[in-house]
Amino acid sequence: GDIYWNGAIRPLAGGTEALFDQLKVESVKQPQPEVHIRGDQNTRYEFVGRTILAAQRAGIAKVAFVIEPPPKS
């Protein structure tokens, strides 16, 4: 359920509301940046949904999922 901004080491304090605030700032830039959601195999869909909702509320037009194969053993 942690949210990280731009690959930060520490989670974004304030969760989805803090994410919304940052996305509002980004949403007015031209060209507008795209939001990339990356979740591990234990991520609950609820948190993905909250992230997408924050992006929609902020006016972000493009949301993408980053899918990486599991690490090789």
N, C-alpha and C. Protein backbone atom coordinates (compact mmCIF):
# COMPACT_ATOMS: atom_id res chain seq x y z
N GLY A 1 0.78 -1.20 0.00
CA GLY A 1 0.00 0.00 0.00
C GLY A 1 0.82 1.27 0.00
N ASP A 2 2.16 1.15 -0.05
CA ASP A 2 2.99 2.35 -0.08
C ASP A 2 3.05 2.92 -1.49
N ILE A 3 3.15 4.25 -1.56
CA ILE A 3 3.25 4.94 -2.84
C ILE A 3 4.61 5.62 -2.90
N TYR A 4 5.32 5.39 -3.99
CA TYR A 4 6.63 5.99 -4.18
C TYR A 4 6.55 6.96 -5.36
N TRP A 5 7.20 8.09 -5.25
CA TRP A 5 7.19 9.11 -6.29
C TRP A 5 8.52 9.10 -7.01
N ASN A 6 8.51 8.85 -8.31
CA ASN A 6 9.71 8.93 -9.14
C ASN A 6 10.85 8.05 -8.64
N GLY A 7 10.52 6.86 -8.19
CA GLY A 7 11.55 5.91 -7.76
C GLY A 7 12.20 6.27 -6.44
N ALA A 8 11.54 7.08 -5.62
CA ALA A 8 12.10 7.48 -4.33
C ALA A 8 12.34 6.26 -3.45
N ILE A 9 13.28 6.39 -2.54
CA ILE A 9 13.61 5.29 -1.63
C ILE A 9 12.55 5.16 -0.55
N ARG A 10 12.01 6.29 -0.12
CA ARG A 10 11.00 6.28 0.94
C ARG A 10 9.61 6.51 0.35
N PRO A 11 8.59 5.88 0.98
CA PRO A 11 7.23 6.09 0.48
C PRO A 11 6.78 7.54 0.63
N LEU A 12 5.85 7.92 -0.20
CA LEU A 12 5.27 9.26 -0.18
C LEU A 12 4.40 9.39 1.08
N ALA A 13 4.79 10.31 1.97
CA ALA A 13 4.01 10.52 3.20
C ALA A 13 2.68 11.16 2.82
N GLY A 14 1.61 10.64 3.36
CA GLY A 14 0.29 11.20 3.07
C GLY A 14 -0.51 10.37 2.09
N GLY A 15 0.07 9.31 1.56
CA GLY A 15 -0.66 8.38 0.71
C GLY A 15 -1.26 9.01 -0.53
N THR A 16 -2.51 8.60 -0.84
CA THR A 16 -3.12 9.02 -2.10
C THR A 16 -3.46 10.51 -2.11
N GLU A 17 -3.71 11.12 -0.97
CA GLU A 17 -3.98 12.57 -0.98
C GLU A 17 -2.72 13.35 -1.33
N ALA A 18 -1.58 12.93 -0.81
CA ALA A 18 -0.31 13.58 -1.17
C ALA A 18 0.00 13.32 -2.64
N LEU A 19 -0.31 12.11 -3.12
CA LEU A 19 -0.11 11.79 -4.53
C LEU A 19 -0.97 12.71 -5.39
N PHE A 20 -2.24 12.88 -5.01
CA PHE A 20 -3.14 13.75 -5.74
C PHE A 20 -2.57 15.17 -5.82
N ASP A 21 -2.07 15.68 -4.71
CA ASP A 21 -1.50 17.04 -4.69
C ASP A 21 -0.34 17.17 -5.67
N GLN A 22 0.53 16.17 -5.71
CA GLN A 22 1.67 16.22 -6.63
C GLN A 22 1.22 16.07 -8.09
N LEU A 23 0.24 15.22 -8.31
CA LEU A 23 -0.26 15.02 -9.67
C LEU A 23 -0.96 16.26 -10.20
N LYS A 24 -1.61 17.03 -9.34
CA LYS A 24 -2.25 18.28 -9.78
C LYS A 24 -1.20 19.23 -10.34
N VAL A 25 -0.04 19.29 -9.70
CA VAL A 25 1.05 20.15 -10.18
C VAL A 25 1.54 19.66 -11.54
N GLU A 26 1.68 18.35 -11.68
CA GLU A 26 2.19 17.77 -12.92
C GLU A 26 1.18 17.85 -14.06
N SER A 27 -0.11 17.83 -13.74
CA SER A 27 -1.14 17.75 -14.78
C SER A 27 -1.22 18.99 -15.67
N VAL A 28 -0.68 20.12 -15.21
CA VAL A 28 -0.74 21.34 -16.01
C VAL A 28 0.49 21.52 -16.91
N LYS A 29 1.46 20.64 -16.79
CA LYS A 29 2.66 20.74 -17.62
C LYS A 29 2.35 20.31 -19.04
N GLN A 30 3.07 20.90 -19.98
CA GLN A 30 2.93 20.53 -21.40
C GLN A 30 4.28 20.07 -21.93
N PRO A 31 4.44 18.90 -22.44
CA PRO A 31 3.41 17.87 -22.50
C PRO A 31 3.15 17.29 -21.10
N GLN A 32 1.95 16.84 -20.92
CA GLN A 32 1.58 16.26 -19.63
C GLN A 32 2.30 14.92 -19.45
N PRO A 33 2.89 14.72 -18.26
CA PRO A 33 3.57 13.43 -18.05
C PRO A 33 2.57 12.28 -17.92
N GLU A 34 3.08 11.10 -18.13
CA GLU A 34 2.28 9.88 -18.02
C GLU A 34 2.58 9.25 -16.66
N VAL A 35 1.55 8.75 -15.99
CA VAL A 35 1.72 8.06 -14.71
C VAL A 35 2.00 6.59 -14.99
N HIS A 36 3.05 6.06 -14.38
CA HIS A 36 3.38 4.63 -14.50
C HIS A 36 3.14 3.97 -13.16
N ILE A 37 2.33 2.94 -13.16
CA ILE A 37 2.04 2.19 -11.94
C ILE A 37 2.80 0.88 -12.00
N ARG A 38 3.58 0.64 -10.95
CA ARG A 38 4.35 -0.61 -10.87
C ARG A 38 4.02 -1.24 -9.50
N GLY A 39 3.47 -2.41 -9.53
CA GLY A 39 3.14 -3.10 -8.29
C GLY A 39 3.77 -4.48 -8.28
N ASP A 40 4.11 -4.93 -7.09
CA ASP A 40 4.66 -6.29 -7.02
C ASP A 40 3.49 -7.28 -6.93
N GLN A 41 3.82 -8.55 -6.85
CA GLN A 41 2.78 -9.58 -6.88
C GLN A 41 1.88 -9.56 -5.65
N ASN A 42 2.27 -8.85 -4.61
CA ASN A 42 1.46 -8.79 -3.39
C ASN A 42 0.60 -7.53 -3.30
N THR A 43 0.66 -6.68 -4.32
CA THR A 43 -0.11 -5.44 -4.30
C THR A 43 -1.59 -5.74 -4.43
N ARG A 44 -2.38 -5.17 -3.51
CA ARG A 44 -3.83 -5.35 -3.57
C ARG A 44 -4.41 -4.42 -4.61
N TYR A 45 -5.42 -4.89 -5.31
CA TYR A 45 -6.05 -4.11 -6.36
C TYR A 45 -6.61 -2.80 -5.80
N GLU A 46 -7.03 -2.81 -4.57
CA GLU A 46 -7.57 -1.60 -3.93
C GLU A 46 -6.59 -0.43 -4.04
N PHE A 47 -5.31 -0.69 -3.82
CA PHE A 47 -4.31 0.38 -3.87
C PHE A 47 -4.05 0.85 -5.30
N VAL A 48 -4.11 -0.06 -6.24
CA VAL A 48 -3.99 0.31 -7.65
C VAL A 48 -5.17 1.19 -8.04
N GLY A 49 -6.35 0.81 -7.62
CA GLY A 49 -7.56 1.59 -7.91
C GLY A 49 -7.49 2.98 -7.31
N ARG A 50 -7.00 3.10 -6.10
CA ARG A 50 -6.86 4.41 -5.46
C ARG A 50 -5.87 5.30 -6.21
N THR A 51 -4.82 4.69 -6.71
CA THR A 51 -3.82 5.44 -7.47
C THR A 51 -4.41 5.94 -8.78
N ILE A 52 -5.13 5.08 -9.47
CA ILE A 52 -5.78 5.48 -10.73
C ILE A 52 -6.80 6.59 -10.47
N LEU A 53 -7.57 6.47 -9.40
CA LEU A 53 -8.55 7.50 -9.06
C LEU A 53 -7.87 8.84 -8.78
N ALA A 54 -6.76 8.83 -8.06
CA ALA A 54 -6.03 10.07 -7.78
C ALA A 54 -5.56 10.71 -9.08
N ALA A 55 -5.08 9.90 -10.02
CA ALA A 55 -4.63 10.42 -11.30
C ALA A 55 -5.80 11.02 -12.09
N GLN A 56 -6.93 10.35 -12.09
CA GLN A 56 -8.12 10.87 -12.78
C GLN A 56 -8.58 12.18 -12.17
N ARG A 57 -8.65 12.23 -10.84
CA ARG A 57 -9.09 13.45 -10.15
C ARG A 57 -8.15 14.62 -10.45
N ALA A 58 -6.86 14.32 -10.61
CA ALA A 58 -5.88 15.38 -10.87
C ALA A 58 -5.88 15.83 -12.32
N GLY A 59 -6.56 15.08 -13.19
CA GLY A 59 -6.63 15.45 -14.60
C GLY A 59 -5.54 14.85 -15.45
N ILE A 60 -4.90 13.80 -14.97
CA ILE A 60 -3.87 13.11 -15.76
C ILE A 60 -4.56 12.25 -16.81
N ALA A 61 -4.15 12.41 -18.06
CA ALA A 61 -4.81 11.71 -19.17
C ALA A 61 -4.27 10.30 -19.41
N LYS A 62 -2.98 10.06 -19.11
CA LYS A 62 -2.39 8.77 -19.44
C LYS A 62 -1.87 8.07 -18.19
N VAL A 63 -2.36 6.85 -18.00
CA VAL A 63 -1.90 6.00 -16.91
C VAL A 63 -1.49 4.67 -17.52
N ALA A 64 -0.30 4.20 -17.18
CA ALA A 64 0.20 2.94 -17.74
C ALA A 64 0.67 2.03 -16.61
N PHE A 65 0.68 0.75 -16.89
CA PHE A 65 1.18 -0.24 -15.94
C PHE A 65 2.55 -0.73 -16.41
N VAL A 66 3.49 -0.78 -15.48
CA VAL A 66 4.82 -1.30 -15.77
C VAL A 66 4.85 -2.74 -15.29
N ILE A 67 5.10 -3.63 -16.22
CA ILE A 67 5.13 -5.06 -15.88
C ILE A 67 6.53 -5.58 -16.19
N GLU A 68 7.13 -6.13 -15.17
CA GLU A 68 8.47 -6.72 -15.33
C GLU A 68 8.39 -8.19 -14.94
N PRO A 69 9.11 -9.03 -15.63
CA PRO A 69 9.10 -10.44 -15.26
C PRO A 69 9.76 -10.63 -13.89
N PRO A 70 9.38 -11.68 -13.17
CA PRO A 70 10.03 -11.93 -11.89
C PRO A 70 11.51 -12.19 -12.09
N PRO A 71 12.34 -11.88 -11.08
CA PRO A 71 13.77 -12.11 -11.21
C PRO A 71 14.08 -13.60 -11.39
N LYS A 72 15.10 -13.86 -12.19
CA LYS A 72 15.51 -15.25 -12.42
C LYS A 72 16.27 -15.75 -11.20
N SER A 73 16.00 -17.01 -10.83
CA SER A 73 16.66 -17.59 -9.66
C SER A 73 17.96 -18.23 -10.04
